């Protein structure tokens, strides 16, 4: 099963203009795992989706 992650406008400049990405989901996958999968494609996104503590941000305040 695939999970679709929609990228907000400010992150599209880091994803080559992609507005969404599909991640192949596996059993037991967490939101953090999905963020890691997105970041593996576009490493510059990490600092915008995770806070300094490594936890997922609720919103991108840098955008």
PDB file of N, CA and C in Angstrom:
ATOM      1  N   UNK A   1       0.842  -1.174   0.000  1.00  0.00           N
ATOM      2  CA  UNK A   1       0.000   0.000   0.000  1.00  0.00           C
ATOM      3  C   UNK A   1       0.890   1.241   0.000  1.00  0.00           C
ATOM      4  N   UNK A   2       0.493   2.224  -0.761  1.00  0.00           N
ATOM      5  CA  UNK A   2       1.247   3.467  -0.825  1.00  0.00           C
ATOM      6  C   UNK A   2       0.553   4.550   0.003  1.00  0.00           C
ATOM      7  N   UNK A   3       1.359   5.419   0.582  1.00  0.00           N
ATOM      8  CA  UNK A   3       0.886   6.579   1.321  1.00  0.00           C
ATOM      9  C   UNK A   3       1.274   7.796   0.497  1.00  0.00           C
ATOM     10  N   UNK A   4       0.327   8.701   0.280  1.00  0.00           N
ATOM     11  CA  UNK A   4       0.624   9.923  -0.459  1.00  0.00           C
ATOM     12  C   UNK A   4       0.902  11.039   0.529  1.00  0.00           C
ATOM     13  N   UNK A   5       2.048  11.670   0.382  1.00  0.00           N
ATOM     14  CA  UNK A   5       2.432  12.806   1.210  1.00  0.00           C
ATOM     15  C   UNK A   5       2.330  14.046   0.332  1.00  0.00           C
ATOM     16  N   UNK A   6       1.501  14.993   0.740  1.00  0.00           N
ATOM     17  CA  UNK A   6       1.336  16.238   0.006  1.00  0.00           C
ATOM     18  C   UNK A   6       2.306  17.271   0.568  1.00  0.00           C
ATOM     19  N   UNK A   7       3.054  17.909  -0.318  1.00  0.00           N
ATOM     20  CA  UNK A   7       4.046  18.890   0.094  1.00  0.00           C
ATOM     21  C   UNK A   7       3.474  20.297  -0.069  1.00  0.00           C
ATOM     22  N   UNK A   8       3.483  21.089   1.001  1.00  0.00           N
ATOM     23  CA  UNK A   8       2.990  22.461   0.887  1.00  0.00           C
ATOM     24  C   UNK A   8       3.913  23.297   0.009  1.00  0.00           C
ATOM     25  N   UNK A   9       3.384  24.384  -0.501  1.00  0.00           N
ATOM     26  CA  UNK A   9       4.120  25.258  -1.410  1.00  0.00           C
ATOM     27  C   UNK A   9       5.559  25.558  -1.019  1.00  0.00           C
ATOM     28  N   UNK A  10       5.819  25.957   0.236  1.00  0.00           N
ATOM     29  CA  UNK A  10       7.193  26.305   0.607  1.00  0.00           C
ATOM     30  C   UNK A  10       8.191  25.144   0.471  1.00  0.00           C
ATOM     31  N   UNK A  11       7.715  23.905   0.559  1.00  0.00           N
ATOM     32  CA  UNK A  11       8.626  22.760   0.453  1.00  0.00           C
ATOM     33  C   UNK A  11       8.844  22.318  -0.994  1.00  0.00           C
ATOM     34  N   UNK A  12       8.011  22.795  -1.891  1.00  0.00           N
ATOM     35  CA  UNK A  12       8.130  22.375  -3.293  1.00  0.00           C
ATOM     36  C   UNK A  12       9.420  22.854  -3.934  1.00  0.00           C
ATOM     37  N   UNK A  13       9.959  23.955  -3.461  1.00  0.00           N
ATOM     38  CA  UNK A  13      11.241  24.425  -4.017  1.00  0.00           C
ATOM     39  C   UNK A  13      12.374  23.461  -3.669  1.00  0.00           C
ATOM     40  N   UNK A  14      12.184  22.685  -2.598  1.00  0.00           N
ATOM     41  CA  UNK A  14      13.188  21.710  -2.167  1.00  0.00           C
ATOM     42  C   UNK A  14      12.977  20.338  -2.799  1.00  0.00           C
ATOM     43  N   UNK A  15      11.813  20.144  -3.406  1.00  0.00           N
ATOM     44  CA  UNK A  15      11.484  18.847  -3.988  1.00  0.00           C
ATOM     45  C   UNK A  15      11.462  18.889  -5.513  1.00  0.00           C
ATOM     46  N   UNK A  16      12.103  19.898  -6.075  1.00  0.00           N
ATOM     47  CA  UNK A  16      12.114  20.011  -7.529  1.00  0.00           C
ATOM     48  C   UNK A  16      10.751  20.328  -8.103  1.00  0.00           C
ATOM     49  N   UNK A  17       9.882  20.929  -7.293  1.00  0.00           N
ATOM     50  CA  UNK A  17       8.554  21.312  -7.746  1.00  0.00           C
ATOM     51  C   UNK A  17       7.474  20.269  -7.504  1.00  0.00           C
ATOM     52  N   UNK A  18       7.841  19.114  -6.974  1.00  0.00           N
ATOM     53  CA  UNK A  18       6.845  18.064  -6.724  1.00  0.00           C
ATOM     54  C   UNK A  18       5.851  18.531  -5.664  1.00  0.00           C
ATOM     55  N   UNK A  19       4.573  18.302  -5.922  1.00  0.00           N
ATOM     56  CA  UNK A  19       3.538  18.688  -4.961  1.00  0.00           C
ATOM     57  C   UNK A  19       3.154  17.530  -4.050  1.00  0.00           C
ATOM     58  N   UNK A  20       3.562  16.325  -4.444  1.00  0.00           N
ATOM     59  CA  UNK A  20       3.276  15.152  -3.612  1.00  0.00           C
ATOM     60  C   UNK A  20       4.256  14.046  -3.957  1.00  0.00           C
ATOM     61  N   UNK A  21       4.359  13.096  -3.049  1.00  0.00           N
ATOM     62  CA  UNK A  21       5.214  11.934  -3.256  1.00  0.00           C
ATOM     63  C   UNK A  21       4.506  10.725  -2.659  1.00  0.00           C
ATOM     64  N   UNK A  22       4.633   9.601  -3.324  1.00  0.00           N
ATOM     65  CA  UNK A  22       4.062   8.368  -2.788  1.00  0.00           C
ATOM     66  C   UNK A  22       5.163   7.548  -2.142  1.00  0.00           C
ATOM     67  N   UNK A  23       4.888   7.099  -0.935  1.00  0.00           N
ATOM     68  CA  UNK A  23       5.819   6.292  -0.162  1.00  0.00           C
ATOM     69  C   UNK A  23       5.194   4.917   0.013  1.00  0.00           C
ATOM     70  N   UNK A  24       5.952   3.890  -0.250  1.00  0.00           N
ATOM     71  CA  UNK A  24       5.446   2.533  -0.052  1.00  0.00           C
ATOM     72  C   UNK A  24       5.388   2.252   1.450  1.00  0.00           C
ATOM     73  N   UNK A  25       4.188   2.062   1.953  1.00  0.00           N
ATOM     74  CA  UNK A  25       3.993   1.838   3.385  1.00  0.00           C
ATOM     75  C   UNK A  25       4.195   0.360   3.718  1.00  0.00           C
ATOM     76  N   UNK A  26       4.679   0.142   4.915  1.00  0.00           N
ATOM     77  CA  UNK A  26       4.817  -1.222   5.401  1.00  0.00           C
ATOM     78  C   UNK A  26       4.220  -1.287   6.809  1.00  0.00           C
ATOM     79  N   UNK A  27       3.881  -2.450   7.232  1.00  0.00           N
ATOM     80  CA  UNK A  27       3.245  -2.629   8.531  1.00  0.00           C
ATOM     81  C   UNK A  27       4.127  -2.058   9.640  1.00  0.00           C
ATOM     82  N   UNK A  28       3.507  -1.330  10.538  1.00  0.00           N
ATOM     83  CA  UNK A  28       4.222  -0.761  11.665  1.00  0.00           C
ATOM     84  C   UNK A  28       4.921   0.560  11.365  1.00  0.00           C
ATOM     85  N   UNK A  29       4.787   1.042  10.151  1.00  0.00           N
ATOM     86  CA  UNK A  29       5.450   2.295   9.763  1.00  0.00           C
ATOM     87  C   UNK A  29       4.840   3.449  10.554  1.00  0.00           C
ATOM     88  N   UNK A  30       5.699   4.357  11.013  1.00  0.00           N
ATOM     89  CA  UNK A  30       5.251   5.518  11.780  1.00  0.00           C
ATOM     90  C   UNK A  30       5.338   6.774  10.914  1.00  0.00           C
ATOM     91  N   UNK A  31       4.799   7.865  11.426  1.00  0.00           N
ATOM     92  CA  UNK A  31       4.918   9.152  10.737  1.00  0.00           C
ATOM     93  C   UNK A  31       6.395   9.501  10.572  1.00  0.00           C
ATOM     94  N   UNK A  32       7.188   9.222  11.583  1.00  0.00           N
ATOM     95  CA  UNK A  32       8.625   9.472  11.499  1.00  0.00           C
ATOM     96  C   UNK A  32       9.279   8.691  10.374  1.00  0.00           C
ATOM     97  N   UNK A  33       8.845   7.445  10.177  1.00  0.00           N
ATOM     98  CA  UNK A  33       9.370   6.635   9.068  1.00  0.00           C
ATOM     99  C   UNK A  33       9.015   7.248   7.723  1.00  0.00           C
ATOM    100  N   UNK A  34       7.803   7.780   7.614  1.00  0.00           N
ATOM    101  CA  UNK A  34       7.379   8.425   6.370  1.00  0.00           C
ATOM    102  C   UNK A  34       8.224   9.675   6.127  1.00  0.00           C
ATOM    103  N   UNK A  35       8.448  10.466   7.178  1.00  0.00           N
ATOM    104  CA  UNK A  35       9.294  11.653   7.031  1.00  0.00           C
ATOM    105  C   UNK A  35      10.709  11.276   6.607  1.00  0.00           C
ATOM    106  N   UNK A  36      11.234  10.188   7.161  1.00  0.00           N
ATOM    107  CA  UNK A  36      12.564   9.717   6.771  1.00  0.00           C
ATOM    108  C   UNK A  36      12.593   9.314   5.300  1.00  0.00           C
ATOM    109  N   UNK A  37      11.521   8.686   4.823  1.00  0.00           N
ATOM    110  CA  UNK A  37      11.455   8.273   3.425  1.00  0.00           C
ATOM    111  C   UNK A  37      11.413   9.490   2.497  1.00  0.00           C
ATOM    112  N   UNK A  38      10.657  10.512   2.881  1.00  0.00           N
ATOM    113  CA  UNK A  38      10.610  11.747   2.090  1.00  0.00           C
ATOM    114  C   UNK A  38      11.990  12.403   2.093  1.00  0.00           C
ATOM    115  N   UNK A  39      12.612  12.470   3.261  1.00  0.00           N
ATOM    116  CA  UNK A  39      13.931  13.096   3.381  1.00  0.00           C
ATOM    117  C   UNK A  39      15.007  12.331   2.626  1.00  0.00           C
ATOM    118  N   UNK A  40      14.824  11.033   2.441  1.00  0.00           N
ATOM    119  CA  UNK A  40      15.818  10.274   1.682  1.00  0.00           C
ATOM    120  C   UNK A  40      15.800  10.677   0.211  1.00  0.00           C
ATOM    121  N   UNK A  41      14.661  11.153  -0.260  1.00  0.00           N
ATOM    122  CA  UNK A  41      14.565  11.647  -1.643  1.00  0.00           C
ATOM    123  C   UNK A  41      15.060  13.077  -1.755  1.00  0.00           C
ATOM    124  N   UNK A  42      14.718  13.896  -0.765  1.00  0.00           N
ATOM    125  CA  UNK A  42      15.072  15.312  -0.778  1.00  0.00           C
ATOM    126  C   UNK A  42      15.612  15.704   0.595  1.00  0.00           C
ATOM    127  N   UNK A  43      16.897  15.497   0.845  1.00  0.00           N
ATOM    128  CA  UNK A  43      17.475  15.740   2.175  1.00  0.00           C
ATOM    129  C   UNK A  43      17.249  17.148   2.725  1.00  0.00           C
ATOM    130  N   UNK A  44      17.127  18.152   1.886  1.00  0.00           N
ATOM    131  CA  UNK A  44      16.921  19.521   2.365  1.00  0.00           C
ATOM    132  C   UNK A  44      15.601  19.723   3.080  1.00  0.00           C
ATOM    133  N   UNK A  45      14.696  18.788   2.934  1.00  0.00           N
ATOM    134  CA  UNK A  45      13.382  18.916   3.563  1.00  0.00           C
ATOM    135  C   UNK A  45      13.442  18.630   5.063  1.00  0.00           C
ATOM    136  N   UNK A  46      14.397  17.841   5.494  1.00  0.00           N
ATOM    137  CA  UNK A  46      14.457  17.396   6.887  1.00  0.00           C
ATOM    138  C   UNK A  46      14.349  18.545   7.878  1.00  0.00           C
ATOM    139  N   UNK A  47      15.129  19.580   7.696  1.00  0.00           N
ATOM    140  CA  UNK A  47      15.132  20.683   8.670  1.00  0.00           C
ATOM    141  C   UNK A  47      13.807  21.434   8.711  1.00  0.00           C
ATOM    142  N   UNK A  48      12.972  21.240   7.697  1.00  0.00           N
ATOM    143  CA  UNK A  48      11.674  21.912   7.666  1.00  0.00           C
ATOM    144  C   UNK A  48      10.547  21.057   8.230  1.00  0.00           C
ATOM    145  N   UNK A  49      10.748  19.760   8.325  1.00  0.00           N
ATOM    146  CA  UNK A  49       9.683  18.885   8.827  1.00  0.00           C
ATOM    147  C   UNK A  49       9.985  18.300  10.206  1.00  0.00           C
ATOM    148  N   UNK A  50      11.213  18.497  10.661  1.00  0.00           N
ATOM    149  CA  UNK A  50      11.594  18.031  12.005  1.00  0.00           C
ATOM    150  C   UNK A  50      12.192  19.197  12.784  1.00  0.00           C
ATOM    151  N   UNK A  51      11.872  19.261  14.052  1.00  0.00           N
ATOM    152  CA  UNK A  51      12.427  20.290  14.914  1.00  0.00           C
ATOM    153  C   UNK A  51      13.826  19.919  15.366  1.00  0.00           C
ATOM    154  N   UNK A  52      14.457  20.783  16.157  1.00  0.00           N
ATOM    155  CA  UNK A  52      15.811  20.519  16.649  1.00  0.00           C
ATOM    156  C   UNK A  52      15.920  19.237  17.472  1.00  0.00           C
ATOM    157  N   UNK A  53      14.802  18.835  18.066  1.00  0.00           N
ATOM    158  CA  UNK A  53      14.795  17.616  18.872  1.00  0.00           C
ATOM    159  C   UNK A  53      14.571  16.356  18.028  1.00  0.00           C
ATOM    160  N   UNK A  54      14.388  16.532  16.716  1.00  0.00           N
ATOM    161  CA  UNK A  54      14.172  15.400  15.826  1.00  0.00           C
ATOM    162  C   UNK A  54      12.722  14.988  15.676  1.00  0.00           C
ATOM    163  N   UNK A  55      11.855  15.586  16.473  1.00  0.00           N
ATOM    164  CA  UNK A  55      10.428  15.272  16.396  1.00  0.00           C
ATOM    165  C   UNK A  55       9.789  16.003  15.208  1.00  0.00           C
ATOM    166  N   UNK A  56       8.694  15.443  14.708  1.00  0.00           N
ATOM    167  CA  UNK A  56       7.977  16.056  13.593  1.00  0.00           C
ATOM    168  C   UNK A  56       7.429  17.411  14.014  1.00  0.00           C
ATOM    169  N   UNK A  57       7.593  18.382  13.132  1.00  0.00           N
ATOM    170  CA  UNK A  57       7.007  19.705  13.389  1.00  0.00           C
ATOM    171  C   UNK A  57       5.523  19.653  13.063  1.00  0.00           C
ATOM    172  N   UNK A  58       4.763  20.474  13.749  1.00  0.00           N
ATOM    173  CA  UNK A  58       3.335  20.554  13.466  1.00  0.00           C
ATOM    174  C   UNK A  58       3.070  21.424  12.257  1.00  0.00           C
ATOM    175  N   UNK A  59       3.933  22.392  12.005  1.00  0.00           N
ATOM    176  CA  UNK A  59       3.794  23.251  10.838  1.00  0.00           C
ATOM    177  C   UNK A  59       5.181  23.771  10.471  1.00  0.00           C
ATOM    178  N   UNK A  60       5.337  24.172   9.230  1.00  0.00           N
ATOM    179  CA  UNK A  60       6.612  24.707   8.784  1.00  0.00           C
ATOM    180  C   UNK A  60       6.589  26.218   8.938  1.00  0.00           C
ATOM    181  N   UNK A  61       7.217  26.709   9.996  1.00  0.00           N
ATOM    182  CA  UNK A  61       7.219  28.148  10.257  1.00  0.00           C
ATOM    183  C   UNK A  61       8.303  28.876   9.490  1.00  0.00           C
ATOM    184  N   UNK A  62       9.169  28.132   8.776  1.00  0.00           N
ATOM    185  CA  UNK A  62      10.257  28.754   8.019  1.00  0.00           C
ATOM    186  C   UNK A  62       9.815  29.142   6.606  1.00  0.00           C
ATOM    187  N   UNK A  63       8.658  28.659   6.173  1.00  0.00           N
ATOM    188  CA  UNK A  63       8.239  28.792   4.792  1.00  0.00           C
ATOM    189  C   UNK A  63       7.769  30.121   4.435  1.00  0.00           C
TER     190      UNK A  63
END
